[in-house]
Full PDB file with SEQRES, HELIX, SHEET, SSBOND, CRYST1, ORIGX, SCALE, CONECT and MASTER records, all heavy atoms in Angstrom:
SEQRES   1 A   39  VAL LEU GLU LYS ASP ARG GLN ARG LYS VAL ASP GLU GLN          
SEQRES   2 A   39  ILE GLU LEU ILE LEU LYS THR ASP PRO GLU ILE LEU GLU          
SEQRES   3 A   39  ILE ASN SER GLN ILE ASP ASP LEU LYS LYS MET VAL LYS          
HELIX    1 AA1 LEU A    2  THR A   20  1                                  19    
HELIX    2 AA2 PRO A   22  VAL A   38  1                                  17    
CRYST1    1.000    1.000    1.000  90.00  90.00  90.00 P 1           1          
ORIGX1      1.000000  0.000000  0.000000        0.00000                         
ORIGX2      0.000000  1.000000  0.000000        0.00000                         
ORIGX3      0.000000  0.000000  1.000000        0.00000                         
SCALE1      1.000000  0.000000  0.000000        0.00000                         
SCALE2      0.000000  1.000000  0.000000        0.00000                         
SCALE3      0.000000  0.000000  1.000000        0.00000                         
ATOM      1  N   VAL A   1     -10.323 -23.413  -0.710  1.00  0.00           N  
ATOM      2  CA  VAL A   1      -9.990 -22.872   0.615  1.00  0.00           C  
ATOM      3  C   VAL A   1      -8.512 -22.477   0.659  1.00  0.00           C  
ATOM      4  O   VAL A   1      -8.155 -21.406   1.146  1.00  0.00           O  
ATOM      5  CB  VAL A   1     -10.310 -23.901   1.730  1.00  0.00           C  
ATOM      6  CG1 VAL A   1      -9.705 -23.491   3.057  1.00  0.00           C  
ATOM      7  CG2 VAL A   1     -11.811 -24.093   1.845  1.00  0.00           C  
ATOM      8  N   LEU A   2      -7.660 -23.320   0.115  1.00  0.00           N  
ATOM      9  CA  LEU A   2      -6.225 -23.026   0.107  1.00  0.00           C  
ATOM     10  C   LEU A   2      -5.915 -21.790  -0.737  1.00  0.00           C  
ATOM     11  O   LEU A   2      -5.079 -20.964  -0.366  1.00  0.00           O  
ATOM     12  CB  LEU A   2      -5.435 -24.232  -0.401  1.00  0.00           C  
ATOM     13  CG  LEU A   2      -5.378 -25.424   0.551  1.00  0.00           C  
ATOM     14  CD1 LEU A   2      -4.737 -26.621  -0.141  1.00  0.00           C  
ATOM     15  CD2 LEU A   2      -4.625 -25.076   1.821  1.00  0.00           C  
ATOM     16  N   GLU A   3      -6.590 -21.662  -1.878  1.00  0.00           N  
ATOM     17  CA  GLU A   3      -6.372 -20.494  -2.735  1.00  0.00           C  
ATOM     18  C   GLU A   3      -6.804 -19.210  -2.034  1.00  0.00           C  
ATOM     19  O   GLU A   3      -6.108 -18.191  -2.093  1.00  0.00           O  
ATOM     20  CB  GLU A   3      -7.130 -20.653  -4.053  1.00  0.00           C  
ATOM     21  CG  GLU A   3      -6.490 -21.653  -4.997  1.00  0.00           C  
ATOM     22  CD  GLU A   3      -7.309 -21.894  -6.263  1.00  0.00           C  
ATOM     23  OE1 GLU A   3      -8.485 -21.497  -6.316  1.00  0.00           O  
ATOM     24  OE2 GLU A   3      -6.748 -22.487  -7.196  1.00  0.00           O  
ATOM     25  N   LYS A   4      -7.948 -19.269  -1.358  1.00  0.00           N  
ATOM     26  CA  LYS A   4      -8.418 -18.084  -0.618  1.00  0.00           C  
ATOM     27  C   LYS A   4      -7.452 -17.740   0.508  1.00  0.00           C  
ATOM     28  O   LYS A   4      -7.155 -16.568   0.742  1.00  0.00           O  
ATOM     29  CB  LYS A   4      -9.827 -18.322  -0.075  1.00  0.00           C  
ATOM     30  CG  LYS A   4     -10.891 -18.312  -1.137  1.00  0.00           C  
ATOM     31  CD  LYS A   4     -12.252 -18.639  -0.570  1.00  0.00           C  
ATOM     32  CE  LYS A   4     -13.283 -18.707  -1.677  1.00  0.00           C  
ATOM     33  NZ  LYS A   4     -14.597 -19.129  -1.190  1.00  0.00           N  
ATOM     34  N   ASP A   5      -6.957 -18.738   1.203  1.00  0.00           N  
ATOM     35  CA  ASP A   5      -6.010 -18.513   2.288  1.00  0.00           C  
ATOM     36  C   ASP A   5      -4.711 -17.923   1.747  1.00  0.00           C  
ATOM     37  O   ASP A   5      -4.155 -16.982   2.327  1.00  0.00           O  
ATOM     38  CB  ASP A   5      -5.735 -19.824   3.025  1.00  0.00           C  
ATOM     39  CG  ASP A   5      -4.914 -19.612   4.276  1.00  0.00           C  
ATOM     40  OD1 ASP A   5      -5.284 -18.737   5.083  1.00  0.00           O  
ATOM     41  OD2 ASP A   5      -3.893 -20.314   4.434  1.00  0.00           O  
ATOM     42  N   ARG A   6      -4.238 -18.448   0.640  1.00  0.00           N  
ATOM     43  CA  ARG A   6      -3.021 -17.929   0.018  1.00  0.00           C  
ATOM     44  C   ARG A   6      -3.214 -16.472  -0.377  1.00  0.00           C  
ATOM     45  O   ARG A   6      -2.368 -15.625  -0.106  1.00  0.00           O  
ATOM     46  CB  ARG A   6      -2.647 -18.759  -1.212  1.00  0.00           C  
ATOM     47  CG  ARG A   6      -1.363 -18.284  -1.892  1.00  0.00           C  
ATOM     48  CD  ARG A   6      -1.197 -18.873  -3.282  1.00  0.00           C  
ATOM     49  NE  ARG A   6      -2.287 -18.544  -4.173  1.00  0.00           N  
ATOM     50  CZ  ARG A   6      -2.419 -17.374  -4.810  1.00  0.00           C  
ATOM     51  NH1 ARG A   6      -1.536 -16.426  -4.658  1.00  0.00           N  
ATOM     52  NH2 ARG A   6      -3.437 -17.169  -5.616  1.00  0.00           N  
ATOM     53  N   GLN A   7      -4.352 -16.163  -0.990  1.00  0.00           N  
ATOM     54  CA  GLN A   7      -4.623 -14.787  -1.407  1.00  0.00           C  
ATOM     55  C   GLN A   7      -4.704 -13.848  -0.210  1.00  0.00           C  
ATOM     56  O   GLN A   7      -4.202 -12.730  -0.244  1.00  0.00           O  
ATOM     57  CB  GLN A   7      -5.912 -14.719  -2.220  1.00  0.00           C  
ATOM     58  CG  GLN A   7      -6.169 -13.349  -2.813  1.00  0.00           C  
ATOM     59  CD  GLN A   7      -5.055 -12.913  -3.748  1.00  0.00           C  
ATOM     60  OE1 GLN A   7      -4.665 -13.660  -4.643  1.00  0.00           O  
ATOM     61  NE2 GLN A   7      -4.546 -11.713  -3.548  1.00  0.00           N  
ATOM     62  N   ARG A   8      -5.296 -14.322   0.877  1.00  0.00           N  
ATOM     63  CA  ARG A   8      -5.385 -13.515   2.092  1.00  0.00           C  
ATOM     64  C   ARG A   8      -3.992 -13.213   2.621  1.00  0.00           C  
ATOM     65  O   ARG A   8      -3.681 -12.075   2.981  1.00  0.00           O  
ATOM     66  CB  ARG A   8      -6.215 -14.236   3.152  1.00  0.00           C  
ATOM     67  CG  ARG A   8      -6.376 -13.455   4.450  1.00  0.00           C  
ATOM     68  CD  ARG A   8      -7.079 -14.263   5.533  1.00  0.00           C  
ATOM     69  NE  ARG A   8      -6.475 -15.558   5.814  1.00  0.00           N  
ATOM     70  CZ  ARG A   8      -5.365 -15.725   6.540  1.00  0.00           C  
ATOM     71  NH1 ARG A   8      -4.746 -14.697   7.045  1.00  0.00           N  
ATOM     72  NH2 ARG A   8      -4.890 -16.929   6.762  1.00  0.00           N  
ATOM     73  N   LYS A   9      -3.127 -14.215   2.636  1.00  0.00           N  
ATOM     74  CA  LYS A   9      -1.759 -14.020   3.115  1.00  0.00           C  
ATOM     75  C   LYS A   9      -0.990 -13.060   2.208  1.00  0.00           C  
ATOM     76  O   LYS A   9      -0.238 -12.210   2.692  1.00  0.00           O  
ATOM     77  CB  LYS A   9      -1.038 -15.361   3.226  1.00  0.00           C  
ATOM     78  CG  LYS A   9      -1.546 -16.203   4.381  1.00  0.00           C  
ATOM     79  CD  LYS A   9      -0.865 -17.548   4.441  1.00  0.00           C  
ATOM     80  CE  LYS A   9      -1.416 -18.371   5.597  1.00  0.00           C  
ATOM     81  NZ  LYS A   9      -0.860 -19.718   5.638  1.00  0.00           N  
ATOM     82  N   VAL A  10      -1.173 -13.189   0.912  1.00  0.00           N  
ATOM     83  CA  VAL A  10      -0.525 -12.277  -0.032  1.00  0.00           C  
ATOM     84  C   VAL A  10      -1.021 -10.854   0.211  1.00  0.00           C  
ATOM     85  O   VAL A  10      -0.220  -9.901   0.269  1.00  0.00           O  
ATOM     86  CB  VAL A  10      -0.785 -12.714  -1.494  1.00  0.00           C  
ATOM     87  CG1 VAL A  10      -0.386 -11.621  -2.471  1.00  0.00           C  
ATOM     88  CG2 VAL A  10      -0.061 -14.006  -1.807  1.00  0.00           C  
ATOM     89  N   ASP A  11      -2.321 -10.697   0.368  1.00  0.00           N  
ATOM     90  CA  ASP A  11      -2.892  -9.368   0.628  1.00  0.00           C  
ATOM     91  C   ASP A  11      -2.337  -8.771   1.922  1.00  0.00           C  
ATOM     92  O   ASP A  11      -2.048  -7.577   1.988  1.00  0.00           O  
ATOM     93  CB  ASP A  11      -4.415  -9.440   0.693  1.00  0.00           C  
ATOM     94  CG  ASP A  11      -5.045  -9.731  -0.661  1.00  0.00           C  
ATOM     95  OD1 ASP A  11      -4.345  -9.595  -1.687  1.00  0.00           O  
ATOM     96  OD2 ASP A  11      -6.230 -10.096  -0.684  1.00  0.00           O  
ATOM     97  N   GLU A  12      -2.193  -9.595   2.945  1.00  0.00           N  
ATOM     98  CA  GLU A  12      -1.640  -9.117   4.218  1.00  0.00           C  
ATOM     99  C   GLU A  12      -0.197  -8.638   4.030  1.00  0.00           C  
ATOM    100  O   GLU A  12       0.193  -7.606   4.574  1.00  0.00           O  
ATOM    101  CB  GLU A  12      -1.691 -10.217   5.275  1.00  0.00           C  
ATOM    102  CG  GLU A  12      -3.076 -10.504   5.803  1.00  0.00           C  
ATOM    103  CD  GLU A  12      -3.108 -11.698   6.746  1.00  0.00           C  
ATOM    104  OE1 GLU A  12      -2.065 -12.373   6.919  1.00  0.00           O  
ATOM    105  OE2 GLU A  12      -4.190 -11.971   7.300  1.00  0.00           O  
ATOM    106  N   GLN A  13       0.577  -9.395   3.271  1.00  0.00           N  
ATOM    107  CA  GLN A  13       1.970  -9.009   3.034  1.00  0.00           C  
ATOM    108  C   GLN A  13       2.057  -7.722   2.227  1.00  0.00           C  
ATOM    109  O   GLN A  13       2.866  -6.841   2.521  1.00  0.00           O  
ATOM    110  CB  GLN A  13       2.726 -10.137   2.304  1.00  0.00           C  
ATOM    111  CG  GLN A  13       2.987 -11.346   3.166  1.00  0.00           C  
ATOM    112  CD  GLN A  13       3.855 -11.012   4.367  1.00  0.00           C  
ATOM    113  OE1 GLN A  13       4.864 -10.341   4.234  1.00  0.00           O  
ATOM    114  NE2 GLN A  13       3.448 -11.456   5.549  1.00  0.00           N  
ATOM    115  N   ILE A  14       1.220  -7.589   1.230  1.00  0.00           N  
ATOM    116  CA  ILE A  14       1.197  -6.366   0.423  1.00  0.00           C  
ATOM    117  C   ILE A  14       0.827  -5.187   1.306  1.00  0.00           C  
ATOM    118  O   ILE A  14       1.460  -4.124   1.244  1.00  0.00           O  
ATOM    119  CB  ILE A  14       0.216  -6.508  -0.764  1.00  0.00           C  
ATOM    120  CG1 ILE A  14       0.788  -7.489  -1.778  1.00  0.00           C  
ATOM    121  CG2 ILE A  14      -0.063  -5.147  -1.403  1.00  0.00           C  
ATOM    122  CD1 ILE A  14      -0.160  -7.855  -2.891  1.00  0.00           C  
ATOM    123  N   GLU A  15      -0.172  -5.357   2.137  1.00  0.00           N  
ATOM    124  CA  GLU A  15      -0.604  -4.292   3.045  1.00  0.00           C  
ATOM    125  C   GLU A  15       0.530  -3.898   3.988  1.00  0.00           C  
ATOM    126  O   GLU A  15       0.778  -2.712   4.225  1.00  0.00           O  
ATOM    127  CB  GLU A  15      -1.835  -4.738   3.842  1.00  0.00           C  
ATOM    128  CG  GLU A  15      -2.493  -3.653   4.628  1.00  0.00           C  
ATOM    129  CD  GLU A  15      -3.127  -2.596   3.740  1.00  0.00           C  
ATOM    130  OE1 GLU A  15      -3.546  -2.907   2.626  1.00  0.00           O  
ATOM    131  OE2 GLU A  15      -3.192  -1.437   4.207  1.00  0.00           O  
ATOM    132  N   LEU A  16       1.238  -4.871   4.499  1.00  0.00           N  
ATOM    133  CA  LEU A  16       2.361  -4.609   5.396  1.00  0.00           C  
ATOM    134  C   LEU A  16       3.451  -3.820   4.666  1.00  0.00           C  
ATOM    135  O   LEU A  16       3.990  -2.845   5.202  1.00  0.00           O  
ATOM    136  CB  LEU A  16       2.917  -5.926   5.935  1.00  0.00           C  
ATOM    137  CG  LEU A  16       4.096  -5.819   6.894  1.00  0.00           C  
ATOM    138  CD1 LEU A  16       3.674  -5.087   8.167  1.00  0.00           C  
ATOM    139  CD2 LEU A  16       4.624  -7.195   7.233  1.00  0.00           C  
ATOM    140  N   ILE A  17       3.753  -4.222   3.462  1.00  0.00           N  
ATOM    141  CA  ILE A  17       4.762  -3.514   2.665  1.00  0.00           C  
ATOM    142  C   ILE A  17       4.315  -2.085   2.403  1.00  0.00           C  
ATOM    143  O   ILE A  17       5.096  -1.144   2.543  1.00  0.00           O  
ATOM    144  CB  ILE A  17       5.036  -4.263   1.343  1.00  0.00           C  
ATOM    145  CG1 ILE A  17       5.770  -5.581   1.631  1.00  0.00           C  
ATOM    146  CG2 ILE A  17       5.841  -3.393   0.389  1.00  0.00           C  
ATOM    147  CD1 ILE A  17       5.852  -6.520   0.452  1.00  0.00           C  
ATOM    148  N   LEU A  18       3.058  -1.921   2.034  1.00  0.00           N  
ATOM    149  CA  LEU A  18       2.548  -0.589   1.737  1.00  0.00           C  
ATOM    150  C   LEU A  18       2.594   0.332   2.958  1.00  0.00           C  
ATOM    151  O   LEU A  18       2.749   1.546   2.832  1.00  0.00           O  
ATOM    152  CB  LEU A  18       1.115  -0.670   1.208  1.00  0.00           C  
ATOM    153  CG  LEU A  18       0.959  -1.250  -0.191  1.00  0.00           C  
ATOM    154  CD1 LEU A  18      -0.516  -1.397  -0.527  1.00  0.00           C  
ATOM    155  CD2 LEU A  18       1.674  -0.429  -1.234  1.00  0.00           C  
ATOM    156  N   LYS A  19       2.463  -0.245   4.136  1.00  0.00           N  
ATOM    157  CA  LYS A  19       2.441   0.552   5.365  1.00  0.00           C  
ATOM    158  C   LYS A  19       3.834   0.812   5.924  1.00  0.00           C  
ATOM    159  O   LYS A  19       4.002   1.685   6.766  1.00  0.00           O  
ATOM    160  CB  LYS A  19       1.607  -0.146   6.432  1.00  0.00           C  
ATOM    161  CG  LYS A  19       0.136  -0.111   6.163  1.00  0.00           C  
ATOM    162  CD  LYS A  19      -0.622  -0.794   7.270  1.00  0.00           C  
ATOM    163  CE  LYS A  19      -2.122  -0.712   7.033  1.00  0.00           C  
ATOM    164  NZ  LYS A  19      -2.861  -1.419   8.071  1.00  0.00           N  
ATOM    165  N   THR A  20       4.847   0.045   5.485  1.00  0.00           N  
ATOM    166  CA  THR A  20       6.153   0.155   6.127  1.00  0.00           C  
ATOM    167  C   THR A  20       7.298   0.535   5.198  1.00  0.00           C  
ATOM    168  O   THR A  20       8.313   1.029   5.664  1.00  0.00           O  
ATOM    169  CB  THR A  20       6.529  -1.173   6.824  1.00  0.00           C  
ATOM    170  OG1 THR A  20       6.533  -2.231   5.865  1.00  0.00           O  
ATOM    171  CG2 THR A  20       5.551  -1.488   7.940  1.00  0.00           C  
ATOM    172  N   ASP A  21       7.171   0.321   3.921  1.00  0.00           N  
ATOM    173  CA  ASP A  21       8.272   0.611   2.998  1.00  0.00           C  
ATOM    174  C   ASP A  21       8.465   2.121   2.868  1.00  0.00           C  
ATOM    175  O   ASP A  21       7.550   2.834   2.461  1.00  0.00           O  
ATOM    176  CB  ASP A  21       7.971  -0.004   1.627  1.00  0.00           C  
ATOM    177  CG  ASP A  21       9.139   0.158   0.687  1.00  0.00           C  
ATOM    178  OD1 ASP A  21       9.307   1.276   0.165  1.00  0.00           O  
ATOM    179  OD2 ASP A  21       9.874  -0.823   0.471  1.00  0.00           O  
ATOM    180  N   PRO A  22       9.643   2.624   3.210  1.00  0.00           N  
ATOM    181  CA  PRO A  22       9.877   4.078   3.182  1.00  0.00           C  
ATOM    182  C   PRO A  22       9.637   4.712   1.803  1.00  0.00           C  
ATOM    183  O   PRO A  22       9.096   5.813   1.714  1.00  0.00           O  
ATOM    184  CB  PRO A  22      11.346   4.222   3.596  1.00  0.00           C  
ATOM    185  CG  PRO A  22      11.724   2.943   4.228  1.00  0.00           C  
ATOM    186  CD  PRO A  22      10.816   1.899   3.677  1.00  0.00           C  
ATOM    187  N   GLU A  23      10.051   4.030   0.756  1.00  0.00           N  
ATOM    188  CA  GLU A  23       9.855   4.584  -0.588  1.00  0.00           C  
ATOM    189  C   GLU A  23       8.380   4.699  -0.928  1.00  0.00           C  
ATOM    190  O   GLU A  23       7.938   5.705  -1.484  1.00  0.00           O  
ATOM    191  CB  GLU A  23      10.579   3.731  -1.630  1.00  0.00           C  
ATOM    192  CG  GLU A  23      12.091   3.841  -1.558  1.00  0.00           C  
ATOM    193  CD  GLU A  23      12.781   2.983  -2.586  1.00  0.00           C  
ATOM    194  OE1 GLU A  23      12.120   2.486  -3.513  1.00  0.00           O  
ATOM    195  OE2 GLU A  23      14.017   2.813  -2.460  1.00  0.00           O  
ATOM    196  N   ILE A  24       7.627   3.682  -0.582  1.00  0.00           N  
ATOM    197  CA  ILE A  24       6.192   3.706  -0.862  1.00  0.00           C  
ATOM    198  C   ILE A  24       5.517   4.775  -0.013  1.00  0.00           C  
ATOM    199  O   ILE A  24       4.645   5.505  -0.489  1.00  0.00           O  
ATOM    200  CB  ILE A  24       5.557   2.314  -0.641  1.00  0.00           C  
ATOM    201  CG1 ILE A  24       6.075   1.340  -1.700  1.00  0.00           C  
ATOM    202  CG2 ILE A  24       4.036   2.401  -0.677  1.00  0.00           C  
ATOM    203  CD1 ILE A  24       5.608  -0.071  -1.555  1.00  0.00           C  
ATOM    204  N   LEU A  25       5.934   4.893   1.238  1.00  0.00           N  
ATOM    205  CA  LEU A  25       5.364   5.930   2.101  1.00  0.00           C  
ATOM    206  C   LEU A  25       5.656   7.321   1.529  1.00  0.00           C  
ATOM    207  O   LEU A  25       4.793   8.199   1.547  1.00  0.00           O  
ATOM    208  CB  LEU A  25       5.919   5.808   3.522  1.00  0.00           C  
ATOM    209  CG  LEU A  25       5.444   4.585   4.311  1.00  0.00           C  
ATOM    210  CD1 LEU A  25       6.224   4.476   5.620  1.00  0.00           C  
ATOM    211  CD2 LEU A  25       3.960   4.640   4.561  1.00  0.00           C  
ATOM    212  N   GLU A  26       6.850   7.518   1.014  1.00  0.00           N  
ATOM    213  CA  GLU A  26       7.214   8.800   0.421  1.00  0.00           C  
ATOM    214  C   GLU A  26       6.377   9.069  -0.833  1.00  0.00           C  
ATOM    215  O   GLU A  26       5.878  10.184  -1.031  1.00  0.00           O  
ATOM    216  CB  GLU A  26       8.712   8.817   0.070  1.00  0.00           C  
ATOM    217  CG  GLU A  26       9.169  10.054  -0.630  1.00  0.00           C  
ATOM    218  CD  GLU A  26       9.029  11.312   0.208  1.00  0.00           C  
ATOM    219  OE1 GLU A  26       9.071  11.217   1.448  1.00  0.00           O  
ATOM    220  OE2 GLU A  26       8.885  12.388  -0.379  1.00  0.00           O  
ATOM    221  N   ILE A  27       6.222   8.056  -1.646  1.00  0.00           N  
ATOM    222  CA  ILE A  27       5.404   8.204  -2.858  1.00  0.00           C  
ATOM    223  C   ILE A  27       3.962   8.522  -2.489  1.00  0.00           C  
ATOM    224  O   ILE A  27       3.331   9.407  -3.077  1.00  0.00           O  
ATOM    225  CB  ILE A  27       5.487   6.933  -3.735  1.00  0.00           C  
ATOM    226  CG1 ILE A  27       6.882   6.814  -4.340  1.00  0.00           C  
ATOM    227  CG2 ILE A  27       4.416   6.941  -4.820  1.00  0.00           C  
ATOM    228  CD1 ILE A  27       7.167   5.492  -5.013  1.00  0.00           C  
ATOM    229  N   ASN A  28       3.437   7.828  -1.482  1.00  0.00           N  
ATOM    230  CA  ASN A  28       2.063   8.094  -1.041  1.00  0.00           C  
ATOM    231  C   ASN A  28       1.921   9.516  -0.521  1.00  0.00           C  
ATOM    232  O   ASN A  28       0.911  10.184  -0.759  1.00  0.00           O  
ATOM    233  CB  ASN A  28       1.628   7.083   0.018  1.00  0.00           C  
ATOM    234  CG  ASN A  28       1.296   5.733  -0.575  1.00  0.00           C  
ATOM    235  OD1 ASN A  28       0.999   5.616  -1.753  1.00  0.00           O  
ATOM    236  ND2 ASN A  28       1.374   4.705   0.236  1.00  0.00           N  
ATOM    237  N   SER A  29       2.950   9.985   0.169  1.00  0.00           N  
ATOM    238  CA  SER A  29       2.928  11.353   0.670  1.00  0.00           C  
ATOM    239  C   SER A  29       2.925  12.342  -0.502  1.00  0.00           C  
ATOM    240  O   SER A  29       2.196  13.337  -0.482  1.00  0.00           O  
ATOM    241  CB  SER A  29       4.145  11.585   1.560  1.00  0.00           C  
ATOM    242  OG  SER A  29       4.222  12.916   1.956  1.00  0.00           O  
ATOM    243  N   GLN A  30       3.711  12.063  -1.507  1.00  0.00           N  
ATOM    244  CA  GLN A  30       3.753  12.921  -2.689  1.00  0.00           C  
ATOM    245  C   GLN A  30       2.406  12.912  -3.413  1.00  0.00           C  
ATOM    246  O   GLN A  30       1.945  13.957  -3.887  1.00  0.00           O  
ATOM    247  CB  GLN A  30       4.870  12.487  -3.635  1.00  0.00           C  
ATOM    248  CG  GLN A  30       6.256  12.746  -3.073  1.00  0.00           C  
ATOM    249  CD  GLN A  30       7.356  12.176  -3.953  1.00  0.00           C  
ATOM    250  OE1 GLN A  30       7.118  11.478  -4.932  1.00  0.00           O  
ATOM    251  NE2 GLN A  30       8.597  12.466  -3.578  1.00  0.00           N  
ATOM    252  N   ILE A  31       1.795  11.751  -3.486  1.00  0.00           N  
ATOM    253  CA  ILE A  31       0.478  11.651  -4.125  1.00  0.00           C  
ATOM    254  C   ILE A  31      -0.535  12.495  -3.356  1.00  0.00           C  
ATOM    255  O   ILE A  31      -1.330  13.230  -3.953  1.00  0.00           O  
ATOM    256  CB  ILE A  31       0.024  10.169  -4.215  1.00  0.00           C  
ATOM    257  CG1 ILE A  31       0.858   9.431  -5.251  1.00  0.00           C  
ATOM    258  CG2 ILE A  31      -1.465  10.077  -4.549  1.00  0.00           C  
ATOM    259  CD1 ILE A  31       0.650   7.932  -5.262  1.00  0.00           C  
ATOM    260  N   ASP A  32      -0.493  12.399  -2.025  1.00  0.00           N  
ATOM    261  CA  ASP A  32      -1.400  13.201  -1.197  1.00  0.00           C  
ATOM    262  C   ASP A  32      -1.172  14.694  -1.431  1.00  0.00           C  
ATOM    263  O   ASP A  32      -2.127  15.465  -1.551  1.00  0.00           O  
ATOM    264  CB  ASP A  32      -1.222  12.867   0.285  1.00  0.00           C  
ATOM    265  CG  ASP A  32      -1.761  11.493   0.652  1.00  0.00           C  
ATOM    266  OD1 ASP A  32      -2.550  10.934  -0.141  1.00  0.00           O  
ATOM    267  OD2 ASP A  32      -1.390  10.979   1.725  1.00  0.00           O  
ATOM    268  N   ASP A  33       0.099  15.093  -1.497  1.00  0.00           N  
ATOM    269  CA  ASP A  33       0.415  16.496  -1.762  1.00  0.00           C  
ATOM    270  C   ASP A  33      -0.123  16.943  -3.119  1.00  0.00           C  
ATOM    271  O   ASP A  33      -0.673  18.041  -3.252  1.00  0.00           O  
ATOM    272  CB  ASP A  33       1.928  16.735  -1.704  1.00  0.00           C  
ATOM    273  CG  ASP A  33       2.497  16.613  -0.299  1.00  0.00           C  
ATOM    274  OD1 ASP A  33       1.706  16.621   0.676  1.00  0.00           O  
ATOM    275  OD2 ASP A  33       3.729  16.501  -0.173  1.00  0.00           O  
ATOM    276  N   LEU A  34       0.039  16.093  -4.116  1.00  0.00           N  
ATOM    277  CA  LEU A  34      -0.460  16.427  -5.456  1.00  0.00           C  
ATOM    278  C   LEU A  34      -1.986  16.539  -5.473  1.00  0.00           C  
ATOM    279  O   LEU A  34      -2.537  17.434  -6.120  1.00  0.00           O  
ATOM    280  CB  LEU A  34       0.006  15.393  -6.480  1.00  0.00           C  
ATOM    281  CG  LEU A  34       1.487  15.459  -6.849  1.00  0.00           C  
ATOM    282  CD1 LEU A  34       1.877  14.249  -7.688  1.00  0.00           C  
ATOM    283  CD2 LEU A  34       1.824  16.740  -7.571  1.00  0.00           C  
ATOM    284  N   LYS A  35      -2.640  15.657  -4.745  1.00  0.00           N  
ATOM    285  CA  LYS A  35      -4.102  15.722  -4.670  1.00  0.00           C  
ATOM    286  C   LYS A  35      -4.543  17.046  -4.047  1.00  0.00           C  
ATOM    287  O   LYS A  35      -5.505  17.671  -4.508  1.00  0.00           O  
ATOM    288  CB  LYS A  35      -4.649  14.548  -3.856  1.00  0.00           C  
ATOM    289  CG  LYS A  35      -4.627  13.226  -4.587  1.00  0.00           C  
ATOM    290  CD  LYS A  35      -5.152  12.111  -3.690  1.00  0.00           C  
ATOM    291  CE  LYS A  35      -5.137  10.778  -4.387  1.00  0.00           C  
ATOM    292  NZ  LYS A  35      -5.607   9.691  -3.505  1.00  0.00           N  
ATOM    293  N   LYS A  36      -3.831  17.476  -2.991  1.00  0.00           N  
ATOM    294  CA  LYS A  36      -4.151  18.749  -2.348  1.00  0.00           C  
ATOM    295  C   LYS A  36      -3.935  19.904  -3.321  1.00  0.00           C  
ATOM    296  O   LYS A  36      -4.733  20.845  -3.370  1.00  0.00           O  
ATOM    297  CB  LYS A  36      -3.290  18.944  -1.097  1.00  0.00           C  
ATOM    298  CG  LYS A  36      -3.664  18.034   0.045  1.00  0.00           C  
ATOM    299  CD  LYS A  36      -2.699  18.195   1.208  1.00  0.00           C  
ATOM    300  CE  LYS A  36      -2.979  17.165   2.287  1.00  0.00           C  
ATOM    301  NZ  LYS A  36      -1.960  17.200   3.344  1.00  0.00           N  
ATOM    302  N   MET A  37      -2.851  19.826  -4.085  1.00  0.00           N  
ATOM    303  CA  MET A  37      -2.564  20.882  -5.048  1.00  0.00           C  
ATOM    304  C   MET A  37      -3.644  20.956  -6.131  1.00  0.00           C  
ATOM    305  O   MET A  37      -4.069  22.044  -6.526  1.00  0.00           O  
ATOM    306  CB  MET A  37      -1.188  20.659  -5.685  1.00  0.00           C  
ATOM    307  CG  MET A  37      -0.040  20.877  -4.718  1.00  0.00           C  
ATOM    308  SD  MET A  37       1.554  20.367  -5.367  1.00  0.00           S  
ATOM    309  CE  MET A  37       1.771  21.500  -6.708  1.00  0.00           C  
ATOM    310  N   VAL A  38      -4.084  19.801  -6.595  1.00  0.00           N  
ATOM    311  CA  VAL A  38      -5.136  19.758  -7.612  1.00  0.00           C  
ATOM    312  C   VAL A  38      -6.422  20.353  -7.050  1.00  0.00           C  
ATOM    313  O   VAL A  38      -7.088  21.152  -7.707  1.00  0.00           O  
ATOM    314  CB  VAL A  38      -5.362  18.308  -8.113  1.00  0.00           C  
ATOM    315  CG1 VAL A  38      -6.644  18.189  -8.902  1.00  0.00           C  
ATOM    316  CG2 VAL A  38      -4.178  17.837  -8.933  1.00  0.00           C  
ATOM    317  N   LYS A  39      -6.751  19.982  -5.825  1.00  0.00           N  
ATOM    318  CA  LYS A  39      -7.969  20.505  -5.195  1.00  0.00           C  
ATOM    319  C   LYS A  39      -7.890  22.024  -5.060  1.00  0.00           C  
ATOM    320  O   LYS A  39      -8.844  22.743  -5.378  1.00  0.00           O  
ATOM    321  CB  LYS A  39      -8.169  19.856  -3.828  1.00  0.00           C  
ATOM    322  CG  LYS A  39      -9.454  20.262  -3.159  1.00  0.00           C  
ATOM    323  CD  LYS A  39      -9.644  19.530  -1.862  1.00  0.00           C  
ATOM    324  CE  LYS A  39     -10.937  19.976  -1.207  1.00  0.00           C  
ATOM    325  NZ  LYS A  39     -11.179  19.301   0.048  1.00  0.00           N  
TER     326      LYS A  39                                                      
MASTER        0    0    0    2    0    0    0    6  325    1    0    3          
END                                                                             
């Protein structure tokens, strides 16, 4: 139970970072642009 709870908390923190970190947001935007270009 503790391991699952720890993993859930880690996942929440990772998700928060992915949604708020400017560098990651910029990289995600670039990835989206590249996907559009490929399409």
